C-alpha atoms as a PDB file:
ATOM      1  CA  MET A   1      -2.558  32.130 -13.798  1.00  0.00           C
ATOM      2  CA  THR A   2      -0.233  31.753 -10.812  1.00  0.00           C
ATOM      3  CA  GLU A   3       2.283  28.975 -11.328  1.00  0.00           C
ATOM      4  CA  GLU A   4       1.739  26.006  -9.000  1.00  0.00           C
ATOM      5  CA  LYS A   5       4.730  24.639  -7.149  1.00  0.00           C
ATOM      6  CA  TRP A   6       4.711  20.967  -6.157  1.00  0.00           C
ATOM      7  CA  LEU A   7       7.059  18.858  -4.052  1.00  0.00           C
ATOM      8  CA  VAL A   8       6.843  15.045  -4.393  1.00  0.00           C
ATOM      9  CA  VAL A   9       8.743  12.941  -1.849  1.00  0.00           C
ATOM     10  CA  GLY A  10       9.374   9.187  -1.684  1.00  0.00           C
ATOM     11  CA  THR A  11      11.632   6.389  -2.863  1.00  0.00           C
ATOM     12  CA  ASP A  12       8.811   4.363  -4.432  1.00  0.00           C
ATOM     13  CA  LEU A  13       9.290   4.639  -8.208  1.00  0.00           C
ATOM     14  CA  ARG A  14       5.627   5.530  -8.685  1.00  0.00           C
ATOM     15  CA  MET A  15       6.401   8.879  -7.010  1.00  0.00           C
ATOM     16  CA  LYS A  16       8.914   9.690  -9.744  1.00  0.00           C
ATOM     17  CA  VAL A  17       6.282   8.896 -12.382  1.00  0.00           C
ATOM     18  CA  LEU A  18       3.777  11.037 -10.485  1.00  0.00           C
ATOM     19  CA  ALA A  19       6.168  13.994 -10.502  1.00  0.00           C
ATOM     20  CA  LYS A  20       6.629  13.628 -14.260  1.00  0.00           C
ATOM     21  CA  ASN A  21       2.867  13.456 -14.835  1.00  0.00           C
ATOM     22  CA  LEU A  22       2.211  16.511 -12.688  1.00  0.00           C
ATOM     23  CA  THR A  23       4.719  18.658 -14.550  1.00  0.00           C
ATOM     24  CA  ASN A  24       3.244  21.029 -17.134  1.00  0.00           C
ATOM     25  CA  GLU A  25       3.564  24.652 -18.235  1.00  0.00           C
ATOM     26  CA  ASN A  26       1.600  25.824 -15.197  1.00  0.00           C
ATOM     27  CA  ARG A  27       3.419  23.681 -12.625  1.00  0.00           C
ATOM     28  CA  THR A  28       6.962  23.424 -11.368  1.00  0.00           C
ATOM     29  CA  VAL A  29       7.527  20.057  -9.705  1.00  0.00           C
ATOM     30  CA  TYR A  30      10.460  18.985  -7.540  1.00  0.00           C
ATOM     31  CA  TYR A  31      10.922  15.285  -6.877  1.00  0.00           C
ATOM     32  CA  LYS A  32      12.993  14.117  -3.908  1.00  0.00           C
ATOM     33  CA  SER A  33      13.797  10.387  -3.669  1.00  0.00           C
ATOM     34  CA  LEU A  34      14.129  10.330   0.107  1.00  0.00           C
ATOM     35  CA  SER A  35      12.765   8.057   2.849  1.00  0.00           C
ATOM     36  CA  VAL A  36      13.322  10.547   5.695  1.00  0.00           C
ATOM     37  CA  TRP A  37      12.583  14.197   6.337  1.00  0.00           C
ATOM     38  CA  ASP A  38      16.026  15.692   6.860  1.00  0.00           C
ATOM     39  CA  GLU A  39      17.880  18.987   6.615  1.00  0.00           C
ATOM     40  CA  GLU A  40      17.985  18.671   2.823  1.00  0.00           C
ATOM     41  CA  LEU A  41      14.178  18.605   2.648  1.00  0.00           C
ATOM     42  CA  ASN A  42      13.875  21.470   5.115  1.00  0.00           C
ATOM     43  CA  LYS A  43      16.198  23.538   2.940  1.00  0.00           C
ATOM     44  CA  THR A  44      14.320  22.581  -0.237  1.00  0.00           C
ATOM     45  CA  VAL A  45      10.934  23.538   1.223  1.00  0.00           C
ATOM     46  CA  LEU A  46      12.161  26.848   2.640  1.00  0.00           C
ATOM     47  CA  GLU A  47      13.713  27.840  -0.696  1.00  0.00           C
ATOM     48  CA  PHE A  48      11.014  26.443  -2.986  1.00  0.00           C
ATOM     49  CA  GLN A  49       7.920  27.191  -0.842  1.00  0.00           C
ATOM     50  CA  PRO A  50       5.640  24.591  -2.498  1.00  0.00           C
ATOM     51  CA  HIS A  51       1.902  25.074  -2.698  1.00  0.00           C
ATOM     52  CA  PHE A  52       1.322  21.293  -2.780  1.00  0.00           C
ATOM     53  CA  VAL A  53       3.302  18.456  -1.184  1.00  0.00           C
ATOM     54  CA  VAL A  54       2.823  14.757  -1.942  1.00  0.00           C
ATOM     55  CA  LEU A  55       4.111  12.443   0.794  1.00  0.00           C
ATOM     56  CA  PRO A  56       4.634   8.679   0.388  1.00  0.00           C
ATOM     57  CA  ILE A  57       2.174   6.034   1.560  1.00  0.00           C
ATOM     58  CA  HIS A  58       4.008   5.443   4.831  1.00  0.00           C
ATOM     59  CA  PRO A  59       4.989   8.382   7.067  1.00  0.00           C
ATOM     60  CA  LEU A  60       8.536   9.663   6.631  1.00  0.00           C
ATOM     61  CA  SER A  61      10.724   9.391   9.695  1.00  0.00           C
ATOM     62  CA  ILE A  62      11.811  12.832  10.863  1.00  0.00           C
ATOM     63  CA  GLU A  63      15.521  13.473  11.377  1.00  0.00           C
ATOM     64  CA  VAL A  64      15.376  17.178  12.199  1.00  0.00           C
ATOM     65  CA  PRO A  65      14.332  19.012  15.381  1.00  0.00           C
ATOM     66  CA  MET A  66      11.601  20.832  13.437  1.00  0.00           C
ATOM     67  CA  VAL A  67       9.925  20.502  10.040  1.00  0.00           C
ATOM     68  CA  PHE A  68       9.842  23.891   8.304  1.00  0.00           C
ATOM     69  CA  GLY A  69       7.917  25.478   5.455  1.00  0.00           C
ATOM     70  CA  LEU A  70       4.768  23.337   5.240  1.00  0.00           C
ATOM     71  CA  SER A  71       2.277  25.510   7.120  1.00  0.00           C
ATOM     72  CA  LYS A  72       0.552  26.819   3.970  1.00  0.00           C
ATOM     73  CA  ALA A  73       0.929  23.786   1.710  1.00  0.00           C
ATOM     74  CA  VAL A  74      -1.875  21.455   0.643  1.00  0.00           C
ATOM     75  CA  ILE A  75      -0.804  17.936   1.617  1.00  0.00           C
ATOM     76  CA  PHE A  76      -1.479  14.651  -0.160  1.00  0.00           C
ATOM     77  CA  ALA A  77      -0.518  11.589   1.885  1.00  0.00           C
ATOM     78  CA  GLY A  78      -1.146   7.889   2.264  1.00  0.00           C
ATOM     79  CA  LYS A  79      -0.946   7.551   6.044  1.00  0.00           C
ATOM     80  CA  LEU A  80       0.177   9.906   8.806  1.00  0.00           C
ATOM     81  CA  ASN A  81       1.361   9.001  12.291  1.00  0.00           C
ATOM     82  CA  ASP A  82       0.700  11.130  15.373  1.00  0.00           C
ATOM     83  CA  GLU A  83       3.954  13.060  14.901  1.00  0.00           C
ATOM     84  CA  TRP A  84       3.010  14.112  11.380  1.00  0.00           C
ATOM     85  CA  ARG A  85      -0.598  14.833  12.309  1.00  0.00           C
ATOM     86  CA  ASN A  86       0.653  17.227  14.961  1.00  0.00           C
ATOM     87  CA  ILE A  87       2.978  18.965  12.483  1.00  0.00           C
ATOM     88  CA  LEU A  88       0.242  19.272   9.849  1.00  0.00           C
ATOM     89  CA  GLN A  89      -2.710  20.041  12.115  1.00  0.00           C
ATOM     90  CA  GLN A  90      -3.338  23.397  10.359  1.00  0.00           C
ATOM     91  CA  ASN A  91      -2.934  22.040   6.811  1.00  0.00           C
ATOM     92  CA  ASP A  92      -5.479  21.026   4.206  1.00  0.00           C
ATOM     93  CA  ILE A  93      -4.779  17.258   3.997  1.00  0.00           C
ATOM     94  CA  HIS A  94      -6.041  14.743   1.426  1.00  0.00           C
ATOM     95  CA  PHE A  95      -5.473  10.998   1.870  1.00  0.00           C
ATOM     96  CA  TYR A  96      -5.195   9.074  -1.391  1.00  0.00           C
ATOM     97  CA  LEU A  97      -5.508   5.796   0.564  1.00  0.00           C
ATOM     98  CA  GLN A  98      -9.083   6.880   1.294  1.00  0.00           C
ATOM     99  CA  ASP A  99      -9.889   7.405  -2.385  1.00  0.00           C
ATOM    100  CA  GLU A 100     -11.923   4.386  -3.552  1.00  0.00           C
ATOM    101  CA  ALA A 101     -10.709   4.633  -7.151  1.00  0.00           C
ATOM    102  CA  PHE A 102      -7.073   4.602  -6.019  1.00  0.00           C
ATOM    103  CA  ILE A 103      -7.653   1.763  -3.541  1.00  0.00           C
ATOM    104  CA  TRP A 104      -9.255  -0.568  -6.087  1.00  0.00           C
ATOM    105  CA  HIS A 105      -6.806   0.177  -8.901  1.00  0.00           C
ATOM    106  CA  ASN A 106      -3.911  -0.246  -6.480  1.00  0.00           C
ATOM    107  CA  ALA A 107      -5.369  -3.546  -5.250  1.00  0.00           C
ATOM    108  CA  ALA A 108      -5.616  -4.823  -8.824  1.00  0.00           C
ATOM    109  CA  LEU A 109      -1.988  -3.879  -9.498  1.00  0.00           C
ATOM    110  CA  THR A 110      -0.953  -5.513  -6.218  1.00  0.00           C
ATOM    111  CA  ALA A 111      -2.631  -8.766  -7.235  1.00  0.00           C
ATOM    112  CA  GLU A 112      -0.983  -8.804 -10.656  1.00  0.00           C
ATOM    113  CA  ALA A 113       2.371  -7.882  -9.139  1.00  0.00           C
ATOM    114  CA  PHE A 114       2.065 -10.740  -6.638  1.00  0.00           C
ATOM    115  CA  VAL A 115       1.590 -13.164  -9.508  1.00  0.00           C
ATOM    116  CA  SER A 116       4.693 -11.714 -11.201  1.00  0.00           C
ATOM    117  CA  SER A 117       6.646 -12.062  -7.971  1.00  0.00           C
ATOM    118  CA  PHE A 118       5.378 -15.609  -7.347  1.00  0.00           C
ATOM    119  CA  TYR A 119       6.528 -16.798 -10.750  1.00  0.00           C
ATOM    120  CA  ASN A 120      10.099 -16.098  -9.625  1.00  0.00           C
ATOM    121  CA  THR A 121       9.736 -19.252  -7.486  1.00  0.00           C
ATOM    122  CA  LYS A 122       9.559 -21.240 -10.748  1.00  0.00           C
ATOM    123  CA  LYS A 123       6.313 -22.842  -9.543  1.00  0.00           C
ATOM    124  CA  ALA A 124       2.982 -22.879 -11.350  1.00  0.00           C
ATOM    125  CA  ILE A 125      -0.186 -21.413  -9.887  1.00  0.00           C
ATOM    126  CA  GLN A 126      -2.648 -23.703 -11.631  1.00  0.00           C
ATOM    127  CA  GLY A 127      -3.614 -26.658  -9.487  1.00  0.00           C
ATOM    128  CA  LYS A 128      -2.181 -25.179  -6.274  1.00  0.00           C
ATOM    129  CA  LYS A 129      -4.148 -24.174  -3.201  1.00  0.00           C
ATOM    130  CA  PHE A 130      -3.653 -20.687  -1.766  1.00  0.00           C
ATOM    131  CA  ILE A 131      -4.883 -19.716   1.690  1.00  0.00           C
ATOM    132  CA  ILE A 132      -5.569 -15.952   1.901  1.00  0.00           C
ATOM    133  CA  THR A 133      -6.160 -14.136   5.178  1.00  0.00           C
ATOM    134  CA  GLY A 134      -8.545 -11.207   5.097  1.00  0.00           C
ATOM    135  CA  PHE A 135     -11.141 -10.343   2.472  1.00  0.00           C
ATOM    136  CA  GLY A 136     -10.597  -6.665   1.830  1.00  0.00           C
ATOM    137  CA  ARG A 137      -9.888  -5.167  -1.562  1.00  0.00           C
ATOM    138  CA  VAL A 138      -6.395  -6.628  -1.993  1.00  0.00           C
ATOM    139  CA  ALA A 139      -7.522 -10.083  -0.857  1.00  0.00           C
ATOM    140  CA  LYS A 140     -10.506  -9.973  -3.236  1.00  0.00           C
ATOM    141  CA  MET A 141      -8.315  -9.057  -6.203  1.00  0.00           C
ATOM    142  CA  VAL A 142      -5.620 -11.627  -5.347  1.00  0.00           C
ATOM    143  CA  ALA A 143      -8.222 -14.363  -4.869  1.00  0.00           C
ATOM    144  CA  HIS A 144      -9.888 -13.461  -8.163  1.00  0.00           C
ATOM    145  CA  ILE A 145      -6.717 -13.504 -10.237  1.00  0.00           C
ATOM    146  CA  LEU A 146      -5.422 -16.736  -8.656  1.00  0.00           C
ATOM    147  CA  LYS A 147      -8.755 -18.474  -9.214  1.00  0.00           C
ATOM    148  CA  SER A 148      -8.840 -17.274 -12.833  1.00  0.00           C
ATOM    149  CA  ILE A 149      -5.432 -18.897 -13.435  1.00  0.00           C
ATOM    150  CA  GLY A 150      -6.656 -22.201 -12.024  1.00  0.00           C
ATOM    151  CA  ALA A 151      -5.737 -22.133  -8.345  1.00  0.00           C
ATOM    152  CA  GLU A 152      -7.935 -23.269  -5.486  1.00  0.00           C
ATOM    153  CA  VAL A 153      -8.506 -20.495  -2.948  1.00  0.00           C
ATOM    154  CA  SER A 154      -9.416 -20.625   0.724  1.00  0.00           C
ATOM    155  CA  ILE A 155     -10.214 -17.450   2.692  1.00  0.00           C
ATOM    156  CA  ALA A 156      -9.576 -16.983   6.443  1.00  0.00           C
ATOM    157  CA  VAL A 157     -11.194 -13.956   8.088  1.00  0.00           C
ATOM    158  CA  ARG A 158     -11.872 -12.315  11.441  1.00  0.00           C
ATOM    159  CA  SER A 159     -15.459 -11.147  10.966  1.00  0.00           C
ATOM    160  CA  ASP A 160     -18.850 -12.728  10.288  1.00  0.00           C
ATOM    161  CA  VAL A 161     -19.439 -10.246   7.466  1.00  0.00           C
ATOM    162  CA  GLN A 162     -16.274 -11.197   5.595  1.00  0.00           C
ATOM    163  CA  LEU A 163     -16.925 -14.910   6.164  1.00  0.00           C
ATOM    164  CA  SER A 164     -20.376 -14.609   4.598  1.00  0.00           C
ATOM    165  CA  GLU A 165     -19.013 -12.456   1.781  1.00  0.00           C
ATOM    166  CA  ALA A 166     -16.249 -14.945   0.922  1.00  0.00           C
ATOM    167  CA  LYS A 167     -18.744 -17.800   0.882  1.00  0.00           C
ATOM    168  CA  ALA A 168     -21.042 -15.761  -1.379  1.00  0.00           C
ATOM    169  CA  PHE A 169     -18.136 -15.564  -3.850  1.00  0.00           C
ATOM    170  CA  ARG A 170     -17.979 -19.388  -3.666  1.00  0.00           C
ATOM    171  CA  TYR A 171     -14.671 -19.596  -1.813  1.00  0.00           C
ATOM    172  CA  GLU A 172     -13.955 -22.031   0.976  1.00  0.00           C
ATOM    173  CA  ALA A 173     -13.988 -19.779   4.051  1.00  0.00           C
ATOM    174  CA  VAL A 174     -13.022 -20.191   7.714  1.00  0.00           C
ATOM    175  CA  TYR A 175     -12.417 -17.958  10.694  1.00  0.00           C
ATOM    176  CA  LEU A 176      -8.838 -16.853  11.216  1.00  0.00           C
ATOM    177  CA  ASP A 177      -8.415 -18.847  14.407  1.00  0.00           C
ATOM    178  CA  GLU A 178      -9.136 -22.000  12.359  1.00  0.00           C
ATOM    179  CA  VAL A 179      -6.655 -21.273   9.580  1.00  0.00           C
ATOM    180  CA  GLY A 180      -3.973 -23.533  11.012  1.00  0.00           C
ATOM    181  CA  GLU A 181      -6.214 -26.519  10.266  1.00  0.00           C
ATOM    182  CA  VAL A 182      -6.606 -25.698   6.546  1.00  0.00           C
ATOM    183  CA  VAL A 183      -4.379 -27.699   4.215  1.00  0.00           C
ATOM    184  CA  GLY A 184      -2.842 -25.788   1.327  1.00  0.00           C
ATOM    185  CA  ASP A 185       0.307 -25.110  -0.688  1.00  0.00           C
ATOM    186  CA  PHE A 186       0.901 -21.386  -0.154  1.00  0.00           C
ATOM    187  CA  PHE A 187      -0.250 -18.782   2.360  1.00  0.00           C
ATOM    188  CA  ILE A 188      -0.951 -15.101   1.608  1.00  0.00           C
ATOM    189  CA  ASN A 189      -1.560 -12.543   4.347  1.00  0.00           C
ATOM    190  CA  THR A 190      -3.407  -9.287   3.635  1.00  0.00           C
ATOM    191  CA  ILE A 191      -4.391  -8.415   7.226  1.00  0.00           C
ATOM    192  CA  PRO A 192      -2.437  -5.320   8.406  1.00  0.00           C
ATOM    193  CA  ALA A 193      -1.929  -6.550  11.973  1.00  0.00           C
ATOM    194  CA  LYS A 194       0.571  -8.643  13.916  1.00  0.00           C
ATOM    195  CA  TRP A 195      -1.665 -11.685  14.380  1.00  0.00           C
ATOM    196  CA  LEU A 196       0.689 -14.588  13.561  1.00  0.00           C
ATOM    197  CA  ASP A 197       1.849 -15.802  16.974  1.00  0.00           C
ATOM    198  CA  GLU A 198       3.861 -18.849  18.060  1.00  0.00           C
ATOM    199  CA  GLN A 199       0.813 -21.115  17.973  1.00  0.00           C
ATOM    200  CA  PHE A 200      -0.004 -20.157  14.384  1.00  0.00           C
ATOM    201  CA  ASN A 201       3.683 -20.345  13.496  1.00  0.00           C
ATOM    202  CA  GLU A 202       3.801 -23.990  14.530  1.00  0.00           C
ATOM    203  CA  LYS A 203       0.612 -24.918  12.660  1.00  0.00           C
ATOM    204  CA  ILE A 204       1.268 -23.020   9.404  1.00  0.00           C
ATOM    205  CA  THR A 205       4.134 -24.906   7.759  1.00  0.00           C
ATOM    206  CA  ILE A 206       3.706 -23.704   4.161  1.00  0.00           C
ATOM    207  CA  PRO A 207       5.457 -20.628   2.655  1.00  0.00           C
ATOM    208  CA  VAL A 208       3.926 -17.313   3.780  1.00  0.00           C
ATOM    209  CA  TYR A 209       3.767 -14.289   1.472  1.00  0.00           C
ATOM    210  CA  ASP A 210       2.821 -11.122   3.341  1.00  0.00           C
ATOM    211  CA  LEU A 211       1.156  -8.387   1.268  1.00  0.00           C
ATOM    212  CA  ALA A 212       0.221  -6.249   4.260  1.00  0.00           C
ATOM    213  CA  SER A 213       2.061  -3.046   5.026  1.00  0.00           C
ATOM    214  CA  HIS A 214       5.260  -3.067   7.067  1.00  0.00           C
ATOM    215  CA  PRO A 215       5.818  -4.555   9.664  1.00  0.00           C
ATOM    216  CA  GLY A 216       3.590  -7.392   8.434  1.00  0.00           C
ATOM    217  CA  CYS A 217       1.707 -10.116  10.283  1.00  0.00           C
ATOM    218  CA  LEU A 218       4.473 -11.673  12.410  1.00  0.00           C
ATOM    219  CA  GLN A 219       4.295 -10.913  16.098  1.00  0.00           C
ATOM    220  CA  ASP A 220       7.493  -9.671  17.731  1.00  0.00           C
ATOM    221  CA  GLY A 221       9.958 -12.493  18.310  1.00  0.00           C
ATOM    222  CA  ILE A 222       8.437 -14.864  15.730  1.00  0.00           C
ATOM    223  CA  ILE A 223      11.001 -16.208  13.277  1.00  0.00           C
ATOM    224  CA  ARG A 224      10.135 -18.060  10.061  1.00  0.00           C
ATOM    225  CA  LYS A 225      12.320 -19.369   7.275  1.00  0.00           C
ATOM    226  CA  GLN A 226       9.458 -19.550   4.767  1.00  0.00           C
ATOM    227  CA  TYR A 227       8.266 -15.971   5.070  1.00  0.00           C
ATOM    228  CA  GLU A 228       8.511 -13.051   2.642  1.00  0.00           C
ATOM    229  CA  LEU A 229       7.224  -9.539   3.250  1.00  0.00           C
ATOM    230  CA  LEU A 230       6.154  -7.972  -0.051  1.00  0.00           C
ATOM    231  CA  PRO A 231       5.071  -4.363   0.539  1.00  0.00           C
ATOM    232  CA  ALA A 232       4.516  -1.728  -2.171  1.00  0.00           C
ATOM    233  CA  LEU A 233       4.410  -4.244  -5.034  1.00  0.00           C
ATOM    234  CA  PRO A 234       2.751  -1.908  -7.592  1.00  0.00           C
ATOM    235  CA  GLY A 235       5.614   0.600  -7.390  1.00  0.00           C
ATOM    236  CA  LYS A 236       8.205  -2.158  -7.746  1.00  0.00           C
ATOM    237  CA  PHE A 237       6.673  -4.040 -10.668  1.00  0.00           C
ATOM    238  CA  PHE A 238       4.545  -1.462 -12.477  1.00  0.00           C
ATOM    239  CA  PRO A 239       5.834   2.022 -11.544  1.00  0.00           C
ATOM    240  CA  GLU A 240       4.405   3.637 -14.671  1.00  0.00           C
ATOM    241  CA  ASP A 241       0.913   2.240 -14.136  1.00  0.00           C
ATOM    242  CA  ALA A 242       1.033   2.780 -10.367  1.00  0.00           C
ATOM    243  CA  GLY A 243       2.216   6.352 -10.854  1.00  0.00           C
ATOM    244  CA  ASN A 244      -0.612   6.996 -13.297  1.00  0.00           C
ATOM    245  CA  VAL A 245      -3.157   5.667 -10.788  1.00  0.00           C
ATOM    246  CA  LEU A 246      -1.777   7.954  -8.087  1.00  0.00           C
ATOM    247  CA  TYR A 247      -1.807  10.903 -10.491  1.00  0.00           C
ATOM    248  CA  GLU A 248      -5.466  10.323 -11.383  1.00  0.00           C
ATOM    249  CA  SER A 249      -6.341  10.098  -7.687  1.00  0.00           C
ATOM    250  CA  ILE A 250      -4.618  13.374  -6.813  1.00  0.00           C
ATOM    251  CA  VAL A 251      -6.016  15.237  -9.813  1.00  0.00           C
ATOM    252  CA  GLY A 252      -9.486  13.920  -8.986  1.00  0.00           C
ATOM    253  CA  GLN A 253      -9.188  15.096  -5.388  1.00  0.00           C
ATOM    254  CA  LEU A 254      -8.045  18.512  -6.587  1.00  0.00           C
ATOM    255  CA  ARG A 255     -11.097  18.797  -8.848  1.00  0.00           C
ATOM    256  CA  ARG A 256     -13.414  17.884  -5.986  1.00  0.00           C
ATOM    257  CA  ARG A 257     -11.593  20.359  -3.731  1.00  0.00           C
ATOM    258  CA  ASP A 258     -11.994  23.165  -6.263  1.00  0.00           C
ATOM    259  CA  ARG A 259     -15.742  22.471  -6.612  1.00  0.00           C
ATOM    260  CA  CYS A 260     -16.296  22.879  -2.872  1.00  0.00           C
END
């Protein structure tokens, strides 16, 4: 059997766990804790010539004139921007953020990690009211865990489908443009868009916790004192579990690839 060579890149601690899990007698795995693609990575790839490369959830910024050595590698990534899509247009690419098993497990870890992070405020969850924007997987898991602890949950959404879905789960539900009128204790954003403008900023006076990906929900120029962006919570609070989830996703995608 030909030895597989893997390169895992990213500063999220789950990537380090992933590299450890991937390593076996048939694989050589290099792990690079870097947030940019630089000359060091170019040199590593040219010398190592990996068969598989795992990139972090968010696209690495590129600090070299050209990215070398990836033309024949199978790529696993979370998201790619136009620059990376152009570089990897000839590659076999698999997106773990499109793997339903990964998405749901990651959402569950995000919800539990939010609770862990919230307890650092020294405030209880039971008896408080949380307003959650969006009703995707992360919002569903956060709402579920908060409700199970004893919180009251209100959902604010942009679509008729999500409004009906939230009501079917017996949550108070409103459209997003009405969220400024809802009274609560804490506000959680899960919508990956810059929707919070000056008008919302004036109406929403409670602390805002943003679980959406960088750059979060604040529109450019909006400044808030009671605002905390909390991206990549699973890797920060549960790197072992998050790394295992990512490993299972990648191995599962490899199995499906080999069956094709």
